[in-house]
Amino acid sequence: MAVRVAPSADVSDDAVVGDGSSIWHLAQVRERVTIGRGCIVGRGAYLGTGVHLGDHCKVQNYALVYEPAILGNGVFIGPAVVLTNDQYPRAVNPDGSLKSADDWHAVGVTIGDGASIGARAVCVAPVTIGAWATVAAGAVVTRDVPTHAIVMGVPARQVGWVGHAGAPLVKDRDVWRCPQTGTVYEEFDGSIREVASK
């Protein structure tokens, strides 16, 4: 499948864009970005230098994904999400001189396969969002999120578990069940794992 790039998008010649991906109006894709197959980069989204997207990711309108973020396969980034990259942000050095790229070390956000980040959430680097986790809209993530966890609030705190279908899991005695698929999970090693389906 062909790559689609809107005429108003700014895509670096150094970026690699996978088959079937679409980059919409006013999006900016910087140098050394890697975008997998079948991805969608929405209007006004920004992908910083060296950012990596796996296959079938969706980066919605006006999301800001700063380097060196790494997104797995099937990651959803909601509208106006921000993935930061500076632990101690300052415009100037202690001597008052304007900071340059050489005056700080970028740290990134890492997001596992299938995870979803809700609209206007902020993930403060360096954090890792586990596979299939869900970050609620408007949350501010300041620490790592376990695989399959649902987090919300400021700062974000875990409020439950979520399965592959995206619906919150329901407690059923000593296991967790997906209300959409019937898949059953058990708690294991700080997260959950699939044990059966119905």
C-alpha atoms as a PDB file:
ATOM      1  CA  MET A   1       0.000   0.000   0.000  1.00  0.00           C
ATOM      2  CA  ALA A   2       1.136   3.509  -0.756  1.00  0.00           C
ATOM      3  CA  VAL A   3       2.169   6.057   1.856  1.00  0.00           C
ATOM      4  CA  ARG A   4      -0.133   9.097   1.989  1.00  0.00           C
ATOM      5  CA  VAL A   5       1.345  12.454   3.015  1.00  0.00           C
ATOM      6  CA  ALA A   6      -0.821  15.581   3.004  1.00  0.00           C
ATOM      7  CA  PRO A   7       0.690  18.478   1.025  1.00  0.00           C
ATOM      8  CA  SER A   8       0.901  20.662   4.155  1.00  0.00           C
ATOM      9  CA  ALA A   9       2.716  18.027   6.249  1.00  0.00           C
ATOM     10  CA  ASP A  10       6.436  18.513   6.918  1.00  0.00           C
ATOM     11  CA  VAL A  11       8.179  15.123   6.667  1.00  0.00           C
ATOM     12  CA  SER A  12      11.965  14.954   6.824  1.00  0.00           C
ATOM     13  CA  ASP A  13      13.763  13.213   3.984  1.00  0.00           C
ATOM     14  CA  ASP A  14      15.549  11.219   6.714  1.00  0.00           C
ATOM     15  CA  ALA A  15      12.286   9.789   8.098  1.00  0.00           C
ATOM     16  CA  VAL A  16      11.245   6.238   7.243  1.00  0.00           C
ATOM     17  CA  VAL A  17       7.511   5.771   6.735  1.00  0.00           C
ATOM     18  CA  GLY A  18       6.048   2.271   6.441  1.00  0.00           C
ATOM     19  CA  ASP A  19       3.673   1.019   3.764  1.00  0.00           C
ATOM     20  CA  GLY A  20       0.066   2.098   4.120  1.00  0.00           C
ATOM     21  CA  SER A  21       0.777   4.868   6.630  1.00  0.00           C
ATOM     22  CA  SER A  22      -0.915   8.275   6.438  1.00  0.00           C
ATOM     23  CA  ILE A  23       0.452  11.629   7.600  1.00  0.00           C
ATOM     24  CA  TRP A  24      -2.191  14.336   7.671  1.00  0.00           C
ATOM     25  CA  HIS A  25      -2.270  18.125   7.350  1.00  0.00           C
ATOM     26  CA  LEU A  26       0.241  20.240   9.268  1.00  0.00           C
ATOM     27  CA  ALA A  27       1.913  17.242  10.926  1.00  0.00           C
ATOM     28  CA  GLN A  28       5.673  17.455  11.413  1.00  0.00           C
ATOM     29  CA  VAL A  29       7.858  14.348  11.239  1.00  0.00           C
ATOM     30  CA  ARG A  30      11.477  15.101  12.105  1.00  0.00           C
ATOM     31  CA  GLU A  31      14.800  13.550  11.093  1.00  0.00           C
ATOM     32  CA  ARG A  32      15.413   9.847  11.749  1.00  0.00           C
ATOM     33  CA  VAL A  33      11.803   9.150  12.747  1.00  0.00           C
ATOM     34  CA  THR A  34      10.707   5.605  11.996  1.00  0.00           C
ATOM     35  CA  ILE A  35       7.009   5.000  11.382  1.00  0.00           C
ATOM     36  CA  GLY A  36       5.840   1.422  10.954  1.00  0.00           C
ATOM     37  CA  ARG A  37       3.279  -0.012   8.526  1.00  0.00           C
ATOM     38  CA  GLY A  38      -0.335   1.133   8.567  1.00  0.00           C
ATOM     39  CA  CYS A  39       0.104   4.061  10.974  1.00  0.00           C
ATOM     40  CA  ILE A  40      -1.923   7.271  11.121  1.00  0.00           C
ATOM     41  CA  VAL A  41      -0.328  10.569  12.162  1.00  0.00           C
ATOM     42  CA  GLY A  42      -3.080  13.148  12.658  1.00  0.00           C
ATOM     43  CA  ARG A  43      -3.403  16.813  11.824  1.00  0.00           C
ATOM     44  CA  GLY A  44      -0.849  18.998  13.572  1.00  0.00           C
ATOM     45  CA  ALA A  45       0.892  16.101  15.336  1.00  0.00           C
ATOM     46  CA  TYR A  46       4.621  16.359  16.054  1.00  0.00           C
ATOM     47  CA  LEU A  47       7.106  13.464  16.033  1.00  0.00           C
ATOM     48  CA  GLY A  48      10.523  14.518  17.329  1.00  0.00           C
ATOM     49  CA  THR A  49      13.913  13.510  15.975  1.00  0.00           C
ATOM     50  CA  GLY A  50      14.481   9.763  16.181  1.00  0.00           C
ATOM     51  CA  VAL A  51      11.036   8.838  17.540  1.00  0.00           C
ATOM     52  CA  HIS A  52      10.050   5.248  16.731  1.00  0.00           C
ATOM     53  CA  LEU A  53       6.486   4.061  16.035  1.00  0.00           C
ATOM     54  CA  GLY A  54       5.721   0.379  15.556  1.00  0.00           C
ATOM     55  CA  ASP A  55       3.126  -0.922  13.114  1.00  0.00           C
ATOM     56  CA  HIS A  56      -0.539   0.170  13.195  1.00  0.00           C
ATOM     57  CA  CYS A  57      -0.123   3.084  15.615  1.00  0.00           C
ATOM     58  CA  LYS A  58      -2.495   6.050  15.730  1.00  0.00           C
ATOM     59  CA  VAL A  59      -1.160   9.447  16.785  1.00  0.00           C
ATOM     60  CA  GLN A  60      -4.180  11.732  16.916  1.00  0.00           C
ATOM     61  CA  ASN A  61      -4.465  15.443  16.136  1.00  0.00           C
ATOM     62  CA  TYR A  62      -2.030  17.836  17.832  1.00  0.00           C
ATOM     63  CA  ALA A  63      -0.258  15.167  19.881  1.00  0.00           C
ATOM     64  CA  LEU A  64       3.362  16.011  20.727  1.00  0.00           C
ATOM     65  CA  VAL A  65       5.702  13.005  20.797  1.00  0.00           C
ATOM     66  CA  TYR A  66       9.159  14.213  21.764  1.00  0.00           C
ATOM     67  CA  GLU A  67      12.344  12.245  21.207  1.00  0.00           C
ATOM     68  CA  PRO A  68      13.509   9.691  22.110  1.00  0.00           C
ATOM     69  CA  ALA A  69      10.016   8.161  22.568  1.00  0.00           C
ATOM     70  CA  ILE A  70       9.528   4.549  21.511  1.00  0.00           C
ATOM     71  CA  LEU A  71       6.032   3.268  20.754  1.00  0.00           C
ATOM     72  CA  GLY A  72       5.320  -0.423  20.244  1.00  0.00           C
ATOM     73  CA  ASN A  73       2.849  -1.914  17.778  1.00  0.00           C
ATOM     74  CA  GLY A  74      -0.788  -0.870  17.913  1.00  0.00           C
ATOM     75  CA  VAL A  75      -0.292   2.091  20.257  1.00  0.00           C
ATOM     76  CA  PHE A  76      -3.018   4.757  20.443  1.00  0.00           C
ATOM     77  CA  ILE A  77      -1.996   8.343  21.267  1.00  0.00           C
ATOM     78  CA  GLY A  78      -5.070  10.536  21.802  1.00  0.00           C
ATOM     79  CA  PRO A  79      -5.612  14.136  20.726  1.00  0.00           C
ATOM     80  CA  ALA A  80      -3.255  16.683  22.319  1.00  0.00           C
ATOM     81  CA  VAL A  81      -1.290  14.076  24.305  1.00  0.00           C
ATOM     82  CA  VAL A  82       2.219  15.162  25.324  1.00  0.00           C
ATOM     83  CA  LEU A  83       5.138  12.756  25.768  1.00  0.00           C
ATOM     84  CA  THR A  84       7.890  14.868  27.375  1.00  0.00           C
ATOM     85  CA  ASN A  85      11.660  14.429  27.168  1.00  0.00           C
ATOM     86  CA  ASP A  86      13.319  16.772  29.675  1.00  0.00           C
ATOM     87  CA  GLN A  87      13.438  15.961  33.412  1.00  0.00           C
ATOM     88  CA  TYR A  88      14.742  19.390  34.416  1.00  0.00           C
ATOM     89  CA  PRO A  89      13.501  21.882  31.815  1.00  0.00           C
ATOM     90  CA  ARG A  90      15.130  25.278  31.551  1.00  0.00           C
ATOM     91  CA  ALA A  91      15.399  27.706  28.653  1.00  0.00           C
ATOM     92  CA  VAL A  92      18.768  28.978  29.884  1.00  0.00           C
ATOM     93  CA  ASN A  93      21.908  27.644  31.548  1.00  0.00           C
ATOM     94  CA  PRO A  94      22.904  28.853  35.048  1.00  0.00           C
ATOM     95  CA  ASP A  95      25.081  31.542  33.398  1.00  0.00           C
ATOM     96  CA  GLY A  96      22.038  32.921  31.563  1.00  0.00           C
ATOM     97  CA  SER A  97      23.058  31.649  28.111  1.00  0.00           C
ATOM     98  CA  LEU A  98      20.373  30.077  25.955  1.00  0.00           C
ATOM     99  CA  LYS A  99      20.406  26.286  26.195  1.00  0.00           C
ATOM    100  CA  SER A 100      21.208  24.334  23.048  1.00  0.00           C
ATOM    101  CA  ALA A 101      20.729  20.665  22.219  1.00  0.00           C
ATOM    102  CA  ASP A 102      24.210  19.995  23.647  1.00  0.00           C
ATOM    103  CA  ASP A 103      23.260  21.393  27.076  1.00  0.00           C
ATOM    104  CA  TRP A 104      20.840  18.649  28.111  1.00  0.00           C
ATOM    105  CA  HIS A 105      20.179  14.944  27.737  1.00  0.00           C
ATOM    106  CA  ALA A 106      16.823  13.904  26.292  1.00  0.00           C
ATOM    107  CA  VAL A 107      15.012  11.089  28.103  1.00  0.00           C
ATOM    108  CA  GLY A 108      12.026   9.393  26.541  1.00  0.00           C
ATOM    109  CA  VAL A 109       8.710   7.733  27.159  1.00  0.00           C
ATOM    110  CA  THR A 110       8.430   4.059  26.205  1.00  0.00           C
ATOM    111  CA  ILE A 111       4.993   2.623  25.409  1.00  0.00           C
ATOM    112  CA  GLY A 112       4.319  -1.101  25.056  1.00  0.00           C
ATOM    113  CA  ASP A 113       2.267  -2.848  22.372  1.00  0.00           C
ATOM    114  CA  GLY A 114      -1.456  -2.112  22.346  1.00  0.00           C
ATOM    115  CA  ALA A 115      -1.405   0.596  25.028  1.00  0.00           C
ATOM    116  CA  SER A 116      -3.687   3.640  24.816  1.00  0.00           C
ATOM    117  CA  ILE A 117      -3.024   7.178  26.037  1.00  0.00           C
ATOM    118  CA  GLY A 118      -6.200   9.270  26.391  1.00  0.00           C
ATOM    119  CA  ALA A 119      -6.768  12.809  25.142  1.00  0.00           C
ATOM    120  CA  ARG A 120      -4.672  15.561  26.747  1.00  0.00           C
ATOM    121  CA  ALA A 121      -2.775  13.146  28.989  1.00  0.00           C
ATOM    122  CA  VAL A 122       0.829  14.007  29.793  1.00  0.00           C
ATOM    123  CA  CYS A 123       3.493  11.338  30.242  1.00  0.00           C
ATOM    124  CA  VAL A 124       6.504  12.812  32.038  1.00  0.00           C
ATOM    125  CA  ALA A 125       9.746  11.163  30.910  1.00  0.00           C
ATOM    126  CA  PRO A 126      11.337   8.891  31.736  1.00  0.00           C
ATOM    127  CA  VAL A 127       8.360   6.562  32.207  1.00  0.00           C
ATOM    128  CA  THR A 128       7.354   3.245  30.702  1.00  0.00           C
ATOM    129  CA  ILE A 129       3.722   2.474  29.917  1.00  0.00           C
ATOM    130  CA  GLY A 130       3.222  -1.301  29.871  1.00  0.00           C
ATOM    131  CA  ALA A 131       1.648  -3.220  27.018  1.00  0.00           C
ATOM    132  CA  TRP A 132      -2.174  -2.988  26.785  1.00  0.00           C
ATOM    133  CA  ALA A 133      -2.313  -0.386  29.573  1.00  0.00           C
ATOM    134  CA  THR A 134      -4.750   2.532  29.405  1.00  0.00           C
ATOM    135  CA  VAL A 135      -3.974   6.066  30.551  1.00  0.00           C
ATOM    136  CA  ALA A 136      -7.199   8.021  31.086  1.00  0.00           C
ATOM    137  CA  ALA A 137      -7.838  11.352  29.396  1.00  0.00           C
ATOM    138  CA  GLY A 138      -6.222  14.255  31.229  1.00  0.00           C
ATOM    139  CA  ALA A 139      -4.004  12.080  33.423  1.00  0.00           C
ATOM    140  CA  VAL A 140      -0.445  13.085  34.316  1.00  0.00           C
ATOM    141  CA  VAL A 141       1.809  10.020  34.400  1.00  0.00           C
ATOM    142  CA  THR A 142       4.899  10.470  36.571  1.00  0.00           C
ATOM    143  CA  ARG A 143       5.825   6.821  37.222  1.00  0.00           C
ATOM    144  CA  ASP A 144       5.818   3.561  35.305  1.00  0.00           C
ATOM    145  CA  VAL A 145       2.464   1.962  34.477  1.00  0.00           C
ATOM    146  CA  PRO A 146       2.183  -1.846  34.706  1.00  0.00           C
ATOM    147  CA  THR A 147       1.086  -3.974  31.769  1.00  0.00           C
ATOM    148  CA  HIS A 148      -2.770  -4.034  31.498  1.00  0.00           C
ATOM    149  CA  ALA A 149      -3.209  -1.317  34.171  1.00  0.00           C
ATOM    150  CA  ILE A 150      -5.739   1.512  33.960  1.00  0.00           C
ATOM    151  CA  VAL A 151      -4.451   4.760  35.463  1.00  0.00           C
ATOM    152  CA  MET A 152      -6.139   8.127  35.917  1.00  0.00           C
ATOM    153  CA  GLY A 153      -5.795  11.389  37.779  1.00  0.00           C
ATOM    154  CA  VAL A 154      -3.093  13.920  38.628  1.00  0.00           C
ATOM    155  CA  PRO A 155      -0.736  12.345  39.383  1.00  0.00           C
ATOM    156  CA  ALA A 156      -1.983   9.174  37.703  1.00  0.00           C
ATOM    157  CA  ARG A 157      -2.830   6.233  39.967  1.00  0.00           C
ATOM    158  CA  GLN A 158      -3.946   2.728  39.086  1.00  0.00           C
ATOM    159  CA  VAL A 159      -7.713   2.196  39.336  1.00  0.00           C
ATOM    160  CA  GLY A 160      -8.090  -1.221  37.705  1.00  0.00           C
ATOM    161  CA  TRP A 161      -7.066  -3.606  34.946  1.00  0.00           C
ATOM    162  CA  VAL A 162      -7.860  -3.638  31.239  1.00  0.00           C
ATOM    163  CA  GLY A 163      -7.775  -6.427  28.657  1.00  0.00           C
ATOM    164  CA  HIS A 164      -6.903  -6.480  24.977  1.00  0.00           C
ATOM    165  CA  ALA A 165     -10.382  -5.224  23.987  1.00  0.00           C
ATOM    166  CA  GLY A 166      -9.895  -1.990  25.950  1.00  0.00           C
ATOM    167  CA  ALA A 167     -12.783  -2.486  28.384  1.00  0.00           C
ATOM    168  CA  PRO A 168     -12.091  -2.403  32.130  1.00  0.00           C
ATOM    169  CA  LEU A 169     -11.942  -5.913  33.554  1.00  0.00           C
ATOM    170  CA  VAL A 170     -14.517  -7.059  36.098  1.00  0.00           C
ATOM    171  CA  LYS A 171     -13.506  -8.888  39.285  1.00  0.00           C
ATOM    172  CA  ASP A 172     -14.977 -12.397  39.363  1.00  0.00           C
ATOM    173  CA  ARG A 173     -13.971 -14.065  42.646  1.00  0.00           C
ATOM    174  CA  ASP A 174     -10.211 -14.601  42.376  1.00  0.00           C
ATOM    175  CA  VAL A 175      -9.884 -13.747  38.649  1.00  0.00           C
ATOM    176  CA  TRP A 176     -10.609 -10.823  36.318  1.00  0.00           C
ATOM    177  CA  ARG A 177     -12.942 -11.147  33.315  1.00  0.00           C
ATOM    178  CA  CYS A 178     -13.292  -9.033  30.153  1.00  0.00           C
ATOM    179  CA  PRO A 179     -16.967  -8.062  29.754  1.00  0.00           C
ATOM    180  CA  GLN A 180     -16.587  -7.909  25.947  1.00  0.00           C
ATOM    181  CA  THR A 181     -14.649 -11.060  25.097  1.00  0.00           C
ATOM    182  CA  GLY A 182     -15.044 -13.261  28.175  1.00  0.00           C
ATOM    183  CA  THR A 183     -11.271 -13.609  28.430  1.00  0.00           C
ATOM    184  CA  VAL A 184     -10.154 -14.450  31.966  1.00  0.00           C
ATOM    185  CA  TYR A 185      -7.025 -13.036  33.593  1.00  0.00           C
ATOM    186  CA  GLU A 186      -5.266 -13.701  36.874  1.00  0.00           C
ATOM    187  CA  GLU A 187      -3.013 -11.395  38.847  1.00  0.00           C
ATOM    188  CA  PHE A 188       0.625 -12.322  38.463  1.00  0.00           C
ATOM    189  CA  ASP A 189       3.901 -10.619  39.383  1.00  0.00           C
ATOM    190  CA  GLY A 190       2.480  -7.078  39.715  1.00  0.00           C
ATOM    191  CA  SER A 191       0.323  -7.352  36.611  1.00  0.00           C
ATOM    192  CA  ILE A 192      -2.169  -9.795  35.114  1.00  0.00           C
ATOM    193  CA  ARG A 193      -1.946 -12.615  32.585  1.00  0.00           C
ATOM    194  CA  GLU A 194      -4.508 -14.386  30.438  1.00  0.00           C
ATOM    195  CA  VAL A 195      -5.572 -17.804  31.718  1.00  0.00           C
ATOM    196  CA  ALA A 196      -8.666 -18.772  29.694  1.00  0.00           C
ATOM    197  CA  SER A 197     -11.395 -17.626  27.315  1.00  0.00           C
ATOM    198  CA  LYS A 198     -15.136 -18.297  27.193  1.00  0.00           C
END
